[in-house]
Amino acid sequence: MATKVENFVNYITKVVAVDNKQMISALKKGDNPATAYYAWGYLNRFVDITNELVAEPYALVASSIVKTKSKSNGFNSLGKCISKCGNEARLRRLLSSSTTDDLCKQLRPILRLIESNSISIDYVSLLNDLIRFQYNDEQVKARWAKDFYNHSEYGDL
C-alpha cells in the first residue's frame, strides 16, 4: 500500500500528465512563501495547511514537480543530484540549515539548479526527508552528505 507521500507525489505527477493548467499554475507558486496560498486548495487534501512545518515542504515539492513537468517520480537522491551538478557549496549551505523553514529557503535555488541540469530527483524521498528534518535533522543531513560524496569526485579517491 502506498504511503501518504507516495500518493501525493503520484497525484501531482498525474496533474502534470493531464496538463491541468489551472492546478499547475497554482502549484508553481507554492515554492514562494508570499504566493504559497494559491496552492493551498490543492494541498489541503494531503496535508494540514495550518502546520507550516509540513505544508511548506509539500508546497515546495509540488512546485518543483510541476516546474520540471515530471510525469513520474525520479530516482536520484538529493545528495546525488547536487553531486551531479558539481556544487559542494550548495550542499554545505543545506547542511548548515537548522530549521525546516531555513532548509526550504536553501533548497529552492538548489531545486532550480537540479531542474536546469535535467536531473531526475526522487521526490518521494525528498519530501520524506523534509518532513523528517524537524525530528531528526542530523540523520537527514548525514544521508544527503553521504549520497553527495559517494557520487562525487571525493568518492573516487
Protein backbone atom coordinates (compact mmCIF):
# COMPACT_ATOMS: atom_id res chain seq x y z
CA MET A 1 0.00 0.00 0.00
CA ALA A 2 1.31 3.43 -0.96
CA THR A 3 2.21 5.95 1.72
CA LYS A 4 0.66 9.41 2.03
CA VAL A 5 3.79 10.95 0.49
CA GLU A 6 3.80 8.47 -2.42
CA ASN A 7 0.12 9.20 -3.06
CA PHE A 8 0.84 12.93 -3.04
CA VAL A 9 3.75 12.69 -5.49
CA ASN A 10 1.72 10.38 -7.76
CA TYR A 11 -1.21 12.82 -7.67
CA ILE A 12 0.95 15.83 -8.60
CA THR A 13 2.69 13.93 -11.42
CA LYS A 14 -0.75 12.97 -12.78
CA VAL A 15 -1.72 16.65 -12.72
CA VAL A 16 1.32 17.28 -14.93
CA ALA A 17 0.50 14.32 -17.19
CA VAL A 18 -3.06 15.52 -17.88
CA ASP A 19 -1.79 19.12 -18.21
CA ASN A 20 -4.28 20.68 -15.77
CA LYS A 21 -3.19 24.27 -16.41
CA GLN A 22 -5.15 25.83 -13.55
CA MET A 23 -3.66 23.47 -10.96
CA ILE A 24 -0.20 23.69 -12.45
CA SER A 25 -0.31 27.48 -12.31
CA ALA A 26 -1.38 27.45 -8.66
CA LEU A 27 1.14 24.78 -7.63
CA LYS A 28 4.04 26.60 -9.32
CA LYS A 29 3.50 29.43 -6.85
CA GLY A 30 3.85 27.08 -3.89
CA ASP A 31 7.61 27.48 -3.55
CA ASN A 32 7.32 31.17 -2.67
CA PRO A 33 6.00 31.89 0.84
CA ALA A 34 4.39 35.11 -0.44
CA THR A 35 2.27 33.23 -3.02
CA ALA A 36 2.03 29.74 -1.50
CA TYR A 37 -1.61 30.30 -0.59
CA TYR A 38 -2.51 29.77 -4.27
CA ALA A 39 -1.54 26.11 -3.82
CA TRP A 40 -3.33 25.56 -0.50
CA GLY A 41 -6.60 24.43 -2.04
CA TYR A 42 -4.80 21.58 -3.79
CA LEU A 43 -2.51 20.71 -0.88
CA ASN A 44 -5.29 20.67 1.71
CA ARG A 45 -6.46 17.16 0.85
CA PHE A 46 -2.99 15.77 1.68
CA VAL A 47 -1.66 17.95 4.48
CA ASP A 48 -2.76 20.27 7.26
CA ILE A 49 -2.01 23.62 5.61
CA THR A 50 -2.10 25.34 9.01
CA ASN A 51 1.04 23.40 10.03
CA GLU A 52 3.79 25.29 8.23
CA LEU A 53 6.44 22.70 9.15
CA VAL A 54 4.63 20.20 6.93
CA ALA A 55 2.77 22.42 4.47
CA GLU A 56 5.88 24.26 3.26
CA PRO A 57 7.74 21.08 2.22
CA TYR A 58 4.65 19.76 0.40
CA ALA A 59 4.25 23.08 -1.43
CA LEU A 60 7.94 23.17 -2.35
CA VAL A 61 7.93 19.63 -3.73
CA ALA A 62 4.67 20.14 -5.65
CA SER A 63 6.06 23.31 -7.19
CA SER A 64 9.24 21.54 -8.25
CA ILE A 65 7.31 18.67 -9.82
CA VAL A 66 5.12 20.94 -11.93
CA LYS A 67 8.01 23.23 -12.91
CA THR A 68 10.01 20.26 -14.21
CA LYS A 69 6.88 18.81 -15.85
CA SER A 70 7.69 15.47 -14.20
CA LYS A 71 5.16 12.81 -15.15
CA SER A 72 6.62 10.30 -12.71
CA ASN A 73 8.80 10.22 -9.62
CA GLY A 74 12.52 10.36 -10.24
CA PHE A 75 15.21 8.06 -8.86
CA ASN A 76 18.17 10.23 -7.74
CA SER A 77 18.55 11.23 -4.10
CA LEU A 78 19.03 14.91 -3.29
CA GLY A 79 22.70 14.37 -2.40
CA LYS A 80 23.35 12.58 -5.68
CA CYS A 81 21.55 15.32 -7.64
CA ILE A 82 23.69 18.03 -6.04
CA SER A 83 26.78 15.94 -6.76
CA LYS A 84 25.78 15.62 -10.42
CA CYS A 85 25.54 19.42 -10.52
CA GLY A 86 29.07 19.57 -9.07
CA ASN A 87 28.17 22.07 -6.37
CA GLU A 88 29.58 21.27 -2.93
CA ALA A 89 28.94 24.85 -1.73
CA ARG A 90 25.20 24.36 -2.14
CA LEU A 91 25.38 21.12 -0.18
CA ARG A 92 27.24 22.89 2.63
CA ARG A 93 24.55 25.60 2.77
CA LEU A 94 21.88 22.91 3.05
CA LEU A 95 23.80 21.14 5.78
CA SER A 96 24.02 24.38 7.78
CA SER A 97 20.21 24.63 7.98
CA SER A 98 18.75 24.15 11.42
CA THR A 99 15.03 24.65 10.80
CA THR A 100 12.58 23.36 8.20
CA ASP A 101 11.89 26.93 7.08
CA ASP A 102 15.58 27.67 6.55
CA LEU A 103 16.04 24.32 4.82
CA CYS A 104 13.24 25.09 2.35
CA LYS A 105 14.75 28.54 1.66
CA GLN A 106 18.13 26.95 0.94
CA LEU A 107 16.54 24.21 -1.16
CA ARG A 108 14.64 26.47 -3.60
CA PRO A 109 17.69 27.54 -5.66
CA ILE A 110 19.15 24.03 -5.42
CA LEU A 111 15.99 22.56 -6.93
CA ARG A 112 16.16 25.14 -9.73
CA LEU A 113 19.79 24.12 -10.37
CA ILE A 114 18.81 20.45 -10.47
CA GLU A 115 15.91 21.28 -12.81
CA SER A 116 18.18 23.30 -15.12
CA ASN A 117 20.51 20.29 -15.39
CA SER A 118 17.57 17.98 -16.25
CA ILE A 119 18.38 15.63 -13.39
CA SER A 120 15.56 13.36 -12.22
CA ILE A 121 15.04 13.66 -8.46
CA ASP A 122 13.30 11.19 -6.18
CA TYR A 123 10.53 13.46 -4.89
CA VAL A 124 9.12 10.84 -2.52
CA SER A 125 12.47 10.53 -0.76
CA LEU A 126 12.94 14.30 -0.76
CA LEU A 127 9.54 15.00 0.77
CA ASN A 128 10.01 12.28 3.39
CA ASP A 129 13.37 13.86 4.30
CA LEU A 130 11.87 17.34 4.54
CA ILE A 131 9.14 16.11 6.86
CA ARG A 132 11.62 14.09 8.95
CA PHE A 133 14.02 17.04 9.19
CA GLN A 134 12.15 18.66 12.08
CA TYR A 135 12.55 15.49 14.16
CA ASN A 136 15.98 14.22 13.16
CA ASP A 137 17.84 16.82 11.14
CA GLU A 138 21.31 15.33 11.68
CA GLN A 139 20.31 11.96 10.24
CA VAL A 140 18.77 13.62 7.17
CA LYS A 141 21.84 15.82 6.66
CA ALA A 142 24.19 12.84 7.06
CA ARG A 143 22.30 10.86 4.40
CA TRP A 144 22.45 13.79 1.95
CA ALA A 145 26.19 14.25 2.58
CA LYS A 146 26.83 10.51 2.19
CA ASP A 147 24.93 10.43 -1.11
CA PHE A 148 26.77 13.52 -2.33
CA TYR A 149 30.25 12.23 -1.52
CA ASN A 150 29.51 8.71 -2.76
CA HIS A 151 28.68 10.16 -6.18
CA SER A 152 31.27 12.92 -6.44
CA GLU A 153 34.96 13.20 -7.18
CA TYR A 154 35.60 12.53 -3.48
CA GLY A 155 34.15 9.04 -3.83
CA ASP A 156 36.81 8.21 -6.46
CA LEU A 157 39.87 8.69 -4.22
